[in-house]
C-alpha cells in the first residue's frame, strides 16, 4: 500500500476545447431538451379554455404553455437585443470622443 505523501501518477493531458466540441455539446443538449418537450406535450393533451384580450378559444394545455413560452422568449430576446444595441452605441460614442 503506497504512503499518503507519495505523488500519484500524472493524468494524461486533456484534449483542447474547440468550437466543434462546443457545438456538439449544444446539439446534444438541444436533443435532450426536445425529447423532454415532446414527452411533456404528449402527457398534457387535455384541452383548456383560453381567454386573451378579445379572443377566446380551446386548445391543448401543452400547446398553450408552448405558445406562452415562445412569446416570453421573443419578448426577452427583443429586450436583450435593444440593450445590446444601446451599449454598442455608448461604446462607439466613447471611442469617437477618445480618438478626437
N, C-alpha and C. Protein backbone atom coordinates (compact mmCIF):
# COMPACT_ATOMS: atom_id res chain seq x y z
N UNK A 1 0.84 -1.17 0.00
CA UNK A 1 0.00 0.00 0.00
C UNK A 1 0.89 1.24 0.00
N UNK A 2 0.69 2.19 -0.96
CA UNK A 2 1.55 3.37 -1.02
C UNK A 2 1.27 4.33 0.11
N UNK A 3 2.29 5.05 0.47
CA UNK A 3 2.14 6.04 1.53
C UNK A 3 1.31 7.21 1.03
N UNK A 4 0.71 7.95 1.94
CA UNK A 4 -0.16 9.05 1.59
C UNK A 4 0.61 10.19 0.93
N UNK A 5 1.86 10.39 1.32
CA UNK A 5 2.65 11.52 0.82
C UNK A 5 3.19 11.31 -0.59
N UNK A 6 3.14 10.08 -1.10
CA UNK A 6 3.68 9.82 -2.42
C UNK A 6 2.77 10.42 -3.49
N UNK A 7 3.38 11.08 -4.49
CA UNK A 7 2.56 11.66 -5.56
C UNK A 7 1.95 10.56 -6.43
N UNK A 8 0.78 10.80 -6.90
CA UNK A 8 0.12 9.84 -7.77
C UNK A 8 0.61 10.04 -9.20
N UNK A 9 0.24 9.14 -10.06
CA UNK A 9 0.64 9.24 -11.46
C UNK A 9 0.01 10.48 -12.08
N UNK A 10 0.74 11.20 -12.93
CA UNK A 10 0.14 12.38 -13.57
C UNK A 10 -0.95 11.95 -14.55
N UNK A 11 -1.98 12.76 -14.63
CA UNK A 11 -3.08 12.46 -15.54
C UNK A 11 -2.67 12.78 -16.97
N UNK A 12 -3.27 12.08 -17.89
CA UNK A 12 -3.00 12.35 -19.31
C UNK A 12 -3.51 13.74 -19.66
N UNK A 13 -2.82 14.44 -20.54
CA UNK A 13 -3.30 15.79 -20.90
C UNK A 13 -4.67 15.71 -21.57
N UNK A 14 -5.52 16.71 -21.25
CA UNK A 14 -6.87 16.74 -21.83
C UNK A 14 -6.80 17.30 -23.24
N UNK A 15 -7.75 16.89 -24.03
CA UNK A 15 -7.85 17.43 -25.38
C UNK A 15 -8.35 18.87 -25.28
N UNK A 16 -7.85 19.75 -26.12
CA UNK A 16 -8.30 21.16 -26.05
C UNK A 16 -9.76 21.29 -26.45
N UNK A 17 -10.42 22.28 -25.86
CA UNK A 17 -11.81 22.54 -26.21
C UNK A 17 -11.85 23.34 -27.50
N UNK A 18 -12.72 22.94 -28.38
CA UNK A 18 -12.82 23.60 -29.68
C UNK A 18 -14.25 24.04 -29.92
N UNK A 19 -14.45 24.78 -30.98
CA UNK A 19 -15.81 25.20 -31.34
C UNK A 19 -16.66 24.01 -31.73
N UNK A 20 -16.05 23.03 -32.36
CA UNK A 20 -16.80 21.82 -32.75
C UNK A 20 -17.27 21.08 -31.51
N UNK A 21 -16.42 20.97 -30.49
CA UNK A 21 -16.85 20.27 -29.28
C UNK A 21 -17.97 21.04 -28.57
N UNK A 22 -17.90 22.37 -28.60
CA UNK A 22 -18.97 23.17 -28.00
C UNK A 22 -20.26 23.00 -28.79
N UNK A 23 -20.15 22.96 -30.12
CA UNK A 23 -21.34 22.76 -30.95
C UNK A 23 -21.94 21.37 -30.71
N UNK A 24 -21.09 20.38 -30.57
CA UNK A 24 -21.56 19.02 -30.31
C UNK A 24 -22.29 18.96 -28.97
N UNK A 25 -21.73 19.59 -27.95
CA UNK A 25 -22.39 19.64 -26.64
C UNK A 25 -23.73 20.35 -26.75
N UNK A 26 -23.77 21.47 -27.46
CA UNK A 26 -25.03 22.20 -27.65
C UNK A 26 -26.07 21.37 -28.38
N UNK A 27 -25.63 20.64 -29.39
CA UNK A 27 -26.55 19.79 -30.15
C UNK A 27 -27.12 18.69 -29.25
N UNK A 28 -26.28 18.06 -28.44
CA UNK A 28 -26.75 17.01 -27.53
C UNK A 28 -27.73 17.58 -26.51
N UNK A 29 -27.44 18.76 -25.98
CA UNK A 29 -28.35 19.39 -25.02
C UNK A 29 -29.68 19.73 -25.68
N UNK A 30 -29.64 20.19 -26.92
CA UNK A 30 -30.88 20.51 -27.64
C UNK A 30 -31.71 19.26 -27.89
N UNK A 31 -31.08 18.17 -28.24
CA UNK A 31 -31.81 16.92 -28.47
C UNK A 31 -32.48 16.45 -27.18
N UNK A 32 -31.75 16.50 -26.07
CA UNK A 32 -32.33 16.10 -24.78
C UNK A 32 -33.51 17.02 -24.44
N UNK A 33 -33.33 18.32 -24.65
CA UNK A 33 -34.41 19.27 -24.39
C UNK A 33 -35.64 18.99 -25.24
N UNK A 34 -35.43 18.68 -26.51
CA UNK A 34 -36.56 18.37 -27.40
C UNK A 34 -37.28 17.09 -26.97
N UNK A 35 -36.52 16.10 -26.55
CA UNK A 35 -37.15 14.86 -26.08
C UNK A 35 -38.01 15.14 -24.85
N UNK A 36 -37.49 15.93 -23.91
CA UNK A 36 -38.26 16.29 -22.72
C UNK A 36 -39.51 17.07 -23.12
N UNK A 37 -39.37 18.01 -24.07
CA UNK A 37 -40.52 18.79 -24.53
C UNK A 37 -41.58 17.90 -25.19
N UNK A 38 -41.16 16.95 -26.00
CA UNK A 38 -42.11 16.04 -26.65
C UNK A 38 -42.85 15.20 -25.62
N UNK A 39 -42.12 14.69 -24.63
CA UNK A 39 -42.76 13.90 -23.57
C UNK A 39 -43.77 14.77 -22.81
N UNK A 40 -43.38 16.00 -22.49
CA UNK A 40 -44.28 16.92 -21.79
C UNK A 40 -45.55 17.16 -22.61
N UNK A 41 -45.39 17.39 -23.91
CA UNK A 41 -46.55 17.68 -24.76
C UNK A 41 -47.46 16.46 -24.90
N UNK A 42 -46.87 15.28 -24.95
CA UNK A 42 -47.68 14.07 -25.05
C UNK A 42 -48.46 13.78 -23.77
N UNK A 43 -47.91 14.19 -22.64
CA UNK A 43 -48.58 13.94 -21.37
C UNK A 43 -49.63 15.00 -21.03
N UNK A 44 -49.62 16.14 -21.70
CA UNK A 44 -50.54 17.23 -21.40
C UNK A 44 -51.41 17.58 -22.61
N UNK A 45 -52.19 16.62 -23.03
CA UNK A 45 -53.03 16.83 -24.22
C UNK A 45 -54.45 17.25 -23.88
N UNK A 46 -54.78 17.36 -22.60
CA UNK A 46 -56.15 17.76 -22.24
C UNK A 46 -56.40 19.19 -22.70
N UNK A 47 -57.63 19.45 -23.10
CA UNK A 47 -57.99 20.75 -23.65
C UNK A 47 -58.33 21.74 -22.54
N UNK A 48 -57.91 22.99 -22.72
CA UNK A 48 -58.20 24.05 -21.76
C UNK A 48 -58.78 25.25 -22.51
N UNK A 49 -59.63 26.02 -21.80
CA UNK A 49 -60.17 27.25 -22.37
C UNK A 49 -59.17 28.37 -22.14
N UNK A 50 -58.96 29.18 -23.17
CA UNK A 50 -58.02 30.29 -23.08
C UNK A 50 -58.75 31.57 -23.43
N UNK A 51 -58.62 32.58 -22.58
CA UNK A 51 -59.18 33.91 -22.84
C UNK A 51 -58.01 34.88 -22.87
N UNK A 52 -57.84 35.57 -23.99
CA UNK A 52 -56.76 36.55 -24.13
C UNK A 52 -57.29 37.75 -24.88
N UNK A 53 -57.29 38.89 -24.21
CA UNK A 53 -57.83 40.13 -24.76
C UNK A 53 -59.25 39.88 -25.25
N UNK A 54 -59.52 40.04 -26.53
CA UNK A 54 -60.86 39.83 -27.05
C UNK A 54 -61.05 38.43 -27.63
N UNK A 55 -59.99 37.63 -27.59
CA UNK A 55 -60.05 36.29 -28.19
C UNK A 55 -60.39 35.24 -27.13
N UNK A 56 -61.02 34.19 -27.58
CA UNK A 56 -61.39 33.09 -26.70
C UNK A 56 -61.34 31.82 -27.50
N UNK A 57 -60.81 30.76 -26.90
CA UNK A 57 -60.72 29.51 -27.63
C UNK A 57 -60.34 28.36 -26.71
N UNK A 58 -60.24 27.20 -27.31
CA UNK A 58 -59.89 26.00 -26.59
C UNK A 58 -58.74 25.32 -27.33
N UNK A 59 -57.71 24.93 -26.61
CA UNK A 59 -56.58 24.25 -27.21
C UNK A 59 -55.90 23.38 -26.16
N UNK A 60 -55.06 22.44 -26.59
CA UNK A 60 -54.38 21.57 -25.63
C UNK A 60 -53.49 22.37 -24.67
N UNK A 61 -53.42 21.92 -23.43
CA UNK A 61 -52.64 22.60 -22.41
C UNK A 61 -51.18 22.75 -22.82
N UNK A 62 -50.59 21.70 -23.36
CA UNK A 62 -49.18 21.75 -23.76
C UNK A 62 -48.96 22.83 -24.82
N UNK A 63 -49.87 22.94 -25.77
CA UNK A 63 -49.73 23.95 -26.82
C UNK A 63 -49.87 25.36 -26.24
N UNK A 64 -50.80 25.54 -25.32
CA UNK A 64 -50.96 26.86 -24.69
C UNK A 64 -49.69 27.26 -23.93
N UNK A 65 -49.12 26.33 -23.19
CA UNK A 65 -47.88 26.63 -22.47
C UNK A 65 -46.71 26.85 -23.42
N UNK A 66 -46.67 26.11 -24.51
CA UNK A 66 -45.62 26.27 -25.51
C UNK A 66 -45.69 27.65 -26.16
N UNK A 67 -46.90 28.08 -26.50
CA UNK A 67 -47.09 29.40 -27.10
C UNK A 67 -46.67 30.49 -26.11
N UNK A 68 -47.04 30.32 -24.84
CA UNK A 68 -46.65 31.30 -23.82
C UNK A 68 -45.13 31.34 -23.67
N UNK A 69 -44.48 30.20 -23.72
CA UNK A 69 -43.02 30.15 -23.62
C UNK A 69 -42.33 30.81 -24.80
N UNK A 70 -42.85 30.56 -26.00
CA UNK A 70 -42.27 31.18 -27.20
C UNK A 70 -42.46 32.69 -27.15
N UNK A 71 -43.64 33.14 -26.74
CA UNK A 71 -43.90 34.58 -26.64
C UNK A 71 -42.97 35.23 -25.62
N UNK A 72 -42.76 34.57 -24.49
CA UNK A 72 -41.84 35.09 -23.48
C UNK A 72 -40.42 35.16 -24.01
N UNK A 73 -40.00 34.15 -24.75
CA UNK A 73 -38.66 34.14 -25.34
C UNK A 73 -38.50 35.29 -26.33
N UNK A 74 -39.51 35.54 -27.13
CA UNK A 74 -39.45 36.64 -28.10
C UNK A 74 -39.32 37.98 -27.39
N UNK A 75 -40.11 38.19 -26.34
CA UNK A 75 -40.05 39.45 -25.59
C UNK A 75 -38.68 39.61 -24.94
N UNK A 76 -38.17 38.56 -24.29
CA UNK A 76 -36.87 38.64 -23.62
C UNK A 76 -35.74 38.88 -24.62
N UNK A 77 -35.80 38.23 -25.77
CA UNK A 77 -34.77 38.41 -26.81
C UNK A 77 -34.81 39.83 -27.36
N UNK A 78 -36.01 40.36 -27.56
CA UNK A 78 -36.14 41.72 -28.07
C UNK A 78 -35.56 42.73 -27.07
N UNK A 79 -35.86 42.55 -25.80
CA UNK A 79 -35.32 43.46 -24.78
C UNK A 79 -33.80 43.33 -24.71
N UNK A 80 -33.30 42.12 -24.77
CA UNK A 80 -31.84 41.91 -24.74
C UNK A 80 -31.15 42.53 -25.94
N UNK A 81 -31.75 42.37 -27.13
CA UNK A 81 -31.16 42.96 -28.33
C UNK A 81 -31.16 44.48 -28.26
N UNK A 82 -32.23 45.05 -27.72
CA UNK A 82 -32.29 46.51 -27.57
C UNK A 82 -31.21 46.99 -26.61
N UNK A 83 -31.00 46.26 -25.53
CA UNK A 83 -29.97 46.65 -24.56
C UNK A 83 -28.57 46.53 -25.17
N UNK A 84 -28.31 45.47 -25.93
CA UNK A 84 -27.01 45.32 -26.58
C UNK A 84 -26.77 46.43 -27.58
N UNK A 85 -27.80 46.80 -28.33
CA UNK A 85 -27.67 47.90 -29.28
C UNK A 85 -27.36 49.20 -28.55
N UNK A 86 -28.04 49.43 -27.44
CA UNK A 86 -27.80 50.63 -26.64
C UNK A 86 -26.36 50.67 -26.14
N UNK A 87 -25.85 49.56 -25.63
CA UNK A 87 -24.48 49.52 -25.13
C UNK A 87 -23.46 49.71 -26.25
N UNK A 88 -23.72 49.16 -27.43
CA UNK A 88 -22.81 49.34 -28.56
C UNK A 88 -22.73 50.80 -28.97
N UNK A 89 -23.87 51.49 -28.95
CA UNK A 89 -23.86 52.92 -29.28
C UNK A 89 -23.03 53.71 -28.27
N UNK A 90 -23.16 53.37 -26.99
CA UNK A 90 -22.39 54.06 -25.95
C UNK A 90 -20.89 53.83 -26.18
N UNK A 91 -20.51 52.60 -26.47
CA UNK A 91 -19.10 52.29 -26.70
C UNK A 91 -18.58 53.03 -27.93
N UNK A 92 -19.35 53.08 -29.01
CA UNK A 92 -18.94 53.81 -30.22
C UNK A 92 -18.74 55.29 -29.93
N UNK A 93 -19.67 55.88 -29.18
CA UNK A 93 -19.56 57.30 -28.82
C UNK A 93 -18.29 57.56 -28.02
N UNK A 94 -18.04 56.69 -27.06
CA UNK A 94 -16.84 56.88 -26.22
C UNK A 94 -15.58 56.72 -27.04
N UNK A 95 -15.56 55.81 -28.01
CA UNK A 95 -14.38 55.63 -28.85
C UNK A 95 -14.14 56.86 -29.71
N UNK A 96 -15.23 57.43 -30.25
CA UNK A 96 -15.05 58.62 -31.08
C UNK A 96 -14.63 59.82 -30.25
N UNK A 97 -15.10 59.92 -29.00
CA UNK A 97 -14.71 61.01 -28.11
C UNK A 97 -13.24 60.90 -27.73
N UNK A 98 -12.77 59.69 -27.50
CA UNK A 98 -11.39 59.49 -27.10
C UNK A 98 -10.46 59.75 -28.29
N UNK A 99 -10.86 59.32 -29.49
CA UNK A 99 -9.98 59.48 -30.65
C UNK A 99 -9.94 60.92 -31.15
N UNK A 100 -10.92 61.76 -30.84
CA UNK A 100 -10.90 63.14 -31.32
C UNK A 100 -10.32 64.10 -30.32
